[in-house]
N, C-alpha and C. Protein backbone atom coordinates (compact mmCIF):
# COMPACT_ATOMS: atom_id res chain seq x y z
N UNK A 1 36.06 -46.21 -123.49
CA UNK A 1 35.65 -47.50 -123.00
C UNK A 1 36.86 -48.33 -122.61
N UNK A 2 37.92 -48.23 -123.40
CA UNK A 2 39.12 -48.98 -123.05
C UNK A 2 39.76 -48.43 -121.78
N UNK A 3 39.57 -47.12 -121.53
CA UNK A 3 40.08 -46.55 -120.29
C UNK A 3 39.38 -47.17 -119.08
N UNK A 4 38.07 -47.38 -119.20
CA UNK A 4 37.33 -48.02 -118.11
C UNK A 4 37.79 -49.47 -117.92
N UNK A 5 38.02 -50.17 -119.02
CA UNK A 5 38.50 -51.55 -118.91
C UNK A 5 39.86 -51.59 -118.23
N UNK A 6 40.73 -50.67 -118.59
CA UNK A 6 42.05 -50.60 -117.96
C UNK A 6 41.92 -50.23 -116.48
N UNK A 7 41.00 -49.33 -116.16
CA UNK A 7 40.76 -48.93 -114.77
C UNK A 7 40.32 -50.13 -113.94
N UNK A 8 39.35 -50.90 -114.45
CA UNK A 8 38.88 -52.07 -113.72
C UNK A 8 39.96 -53.14 -113.62
N UNK A 9 40.82 -53.24 -114.62
CA UNK A 9 41.94 -54.18 -114.55
C UNK A 9 42.90 -53.80 -113.44
N UNK A 10 43.21 -52.52 -113.32
CA UNK A 10 44.10 -52.06 -112.26
C UNK A 10 43.46 -52.28 -110.90
N UNK A 11 42.17 -51.98 -110.78
CA UNK A 11 41.46 -52.21 -109.52
C UNK A 11 41.52 -53.69 -109.16
N UNK A 12 41.32 -54.56 -110.15
CA UNK A 12 41.37 -55.99 -109.92
C UNK A 12 42.74 -56.44 -109.43
N UNK A 13 43.79 -55.93 -110.05
CA UNK A 13 45.14 -56.31 -109.64
C UNK A 13 45.46 -55.83 -108.23
N UNK A 14 45.06 -54.61 -107.92
CA UNK A 14 45.32 -54.07 -106.58
C UNK A 14 44.51 -54.84 -105.54
N UNK A 15 43.25 -55.12 -105.83
CA UNK A 15 42.42 -55.87 -104.88
C UNK A 15 42.97 -57.28 -104.69
N UNK A 16 43.44 -57.90 -105.76
CA UNK A 16 44.04 -59.23 -105.64
C UNK A 16 45.33 -59.21 -104.84
N UNK A 17 46.09 -58.13 -104.98
CA UNK A 17 47.33 -57.99 -104.23
C UNK A 17 47.07 -57.92 -102.73
N UNK A 18 45.98 -57.25 -102.35
CA UNK A 18 45.65 -57.11 -100.94
C UNK A 18 44.76 -58.23 -100.41
N UNK A 19 44.42 -59.19 -101.25
CA UNK A 19 43.69 -60.35 -100.79
C UNK A 19 42.18 -60.27 -100.86
N UNK A 20 41.65 -59.31 -101.56
CA UNK A 20 40.20 -59.19 -101.72
C UNK A 20 39.79 -59.94 -102.99
N UNK A 21 39.59 -61.23 -102.86
CA UNK A 21 39.33 -62.08 -104.02
C UNK A 21 38.02 -61.80 -104.71
N UNK A 22 36.96 -61.53 -103.94
CA UNK A 22 35.65 -61.27 -104.53
C UNK A 22 35.64 -60.00 -105.35
N UNK A 23 36.20 -58.95 -104.77
CA UNK A 23 36.26 -57.67 -105.48
C UNK A 23 37.16 -57.80 -106.70
N UNK A 24 38.23 -58.54 -106.55
CA UNK A 24 39.17 -58.72 -107.66
C UNK A 24 38.51 -59.44 -108.83
N UNK A 25 37.78 -60.50 -108.54
CA UNK A 25 37.15 -61.25 -109.64
C UNK A 25 36.02 -60.44 -110.27
N UNK A 26 35.29 -59.67 -109.48
CA UNK A 26 34.23 -58.83 -110.04
C UNK A 26 34.81 -57.74 -110.94
N UNK A 27 35.88 -57.10 -110.50
CA UNK A 27 36.51 -56.06 -111.31
C UNK A 27 37.12 -56.65 -112.58
N UNK A 28 37.69 -57.84 -112.48
CA UNK A 28 38.25 -58.50 -113.67
C UNK A 28 37.15 -58.86 -114.65
N UNK A 29 36.00 -59.29 -114.14
CA UNK A 29 34.87 -59.60 -115.01
C UNK A 29 34.37 -58.36 -115.73
N UNK A 30 34.28 -57.25 -115.01
CA UNK A 30 33.85 -55.99 -115.64
C UNK A 30 34.85 -55.54 -116.69
N UNK A 31 36.14 -55.68 -116.39
CA UNK A 31 37.17 -55.30 -117.35
C UNK A 31 37.07 -56.14 -118.62
N UNK A 32 36.81 -57.43 -118.45
CA UNK A 32 36.69 -58.33 -119.60
C UNK A 32 35.48 -57.97 -120.45
N UNK A 33 34.36 -57.70 -119.81
CA UNK A 33 33.14 -57.33 -120.53
C UNK A 33 33.34 -56.03 -121.30
N UNK A 34 33.91 -55.02 -120.64
CA UNK A 34 34.14 -53.73 -121.30
C UNK A 34 35.12 -53.86 -122.46
N UNK A 35 36.13 -54.71 -122.30
CA UNK A 35 37.10 -54.91 -123.37
C UNK A 35 36.44 -55.53 -124.59
N UNK A 36 35.61 -56.54 -124.39
CA UNK A 36 34.96 -57.17 -125.54
C UNK A 36 33.92 -56.26 -126.19
N UNK A 37 33.25 -55.43 -125.40
CA UNK A 37 32.33 -54.44 -125.97
C UNK A 37 33.11 -53.45 -126.83
N UNK A 38 34.27 -53.02 -126.35
CA UNK A 38 35.09 -52.08 -127.12
C UNK A 38 35.56 -52.72 -128.43
N UNK A 39 35.94 -53.99 -128.39
CA UNK A 39 36.37 -54.68 -129.62
C UNK A 39 35.22 -54.78 -130.62
N UNK A 40 34.03 -55.13 -130.14
CA UNK A 40 32.87 -55.24 -131.03
C UNK A 40 32.54 -53.88 -131.63
N UNK A 41 32.56 -52.82 -130.83
CA UNK A 41 32.28 -51.49 -131.36
C UNK A 41 33.33 -51.07 -132.39
N UNK A 42 34.59 -51.42 -132.14
CA UNK A 42 35.64 -51.10 -133.10
C UNK A 42 35.38 -51.76 -134.45
N UNK A 43 35.02 -53.03 -134.42
CA UNK A 43 34.77 -53.76 -135.67
C UNK A 43 33.54 -53.19 -136.38
N UNK A 44 32.49 -52.87 -135.65
CA UNK A 44 31.28 -52.30 -136.26
C UNK A 44 31.60 -50.97 -136.92
N UNK A 45 32.31 -50.09 -136.22
CA UNK A 45 32.64 -48.79 -136.79
C UNK A 45 33.61 -48.91 -137.96
N UNK A 46 34.49 -49.90 -137.92
CA UNK A 46 35.40 -50.13 -139.03
C UNK A 46 34.64 -50.54 -140.28
N UNK A 47 33.68 -51.44 -140.13
CA UNK A 47 32.87 -51.88 -141.27
C UNK A 47 32.03 -50.72 -141.82
N UNK A 48 31.44 -49.94 -140.93
CA UNK A 48 30.64 -48.79 -141.37
C UNK A 48 31.51 -47.78 -142.12
N UNK A 49 32.70 -47.54 -141.63
CA UNK A 49 33.60 -46.59 -142.30
C UNK A 49 34.03 -47.12 -143.67
N UNK A 50 34.29 -48.40 -143.77
CA UNK A 50 34.68 -48.96 -145.06
C UNK A 50 33.52 -48.89 -146.06
N UNK A 51 32.32 -49.17 -145.61
CA UNK A 51 31.16 -49.09 -146.50
C UNK A 51 30.87 -47.65 -146.90
N UNK A 52 31.06 -46.71 -145.99
CA UNK A 52 30.84 -45.31 -146.32
C UNK A 52 31.91 -44.83 -147.31
N UNK A 53 33.12 -45.30 -147.15
CA UNK A 53 34.18 -44.94 -148.08
C UNK A 53 33.92 -45.44 -149.48
N UNK A 54 33.38 -46.64 -149.58
CA UNK A 54 33.03 -47.18 -150.91
C UNK A 54 31.88 -46.41 -151.52
N UNK A 55 30.92 -45.98 -150.70
CA UNK A 55 29.77 -45.23 -151.22
C UNK A 55 30.20 -43.86 -151.74
N UNK A 56 31.21 -43.26 -151.10
CA UNK A 56 31.67 -41.95 -151.54
C UNK A 56 32.45 -42.05 -152.85
N UNK A 57 33.25 -43.11 -153.01
CA UNK A 57 34.09 -43.23 -154.20
C UNK A 57 33.31 -43.65 -155.44
N UNK A 58 32.08 -44.13 -155.29
CA UNK A 58 31.30 -44.57 -156.46
C UNK A 58 30.68 -43.42 -157.18
């Protein structure tokens, strides 16, 4: 997922460099959304792993 966010970020930078403002802002928006989804998934999986670790040690 972070690879896709990085891909859209690069597309946004390249489009902005060549003057395609609409495409640049759309790609930047997609990159931002994917980045925040990746962060949320990371936190969810971290909490699940910590709870599973506590369940195993009990």
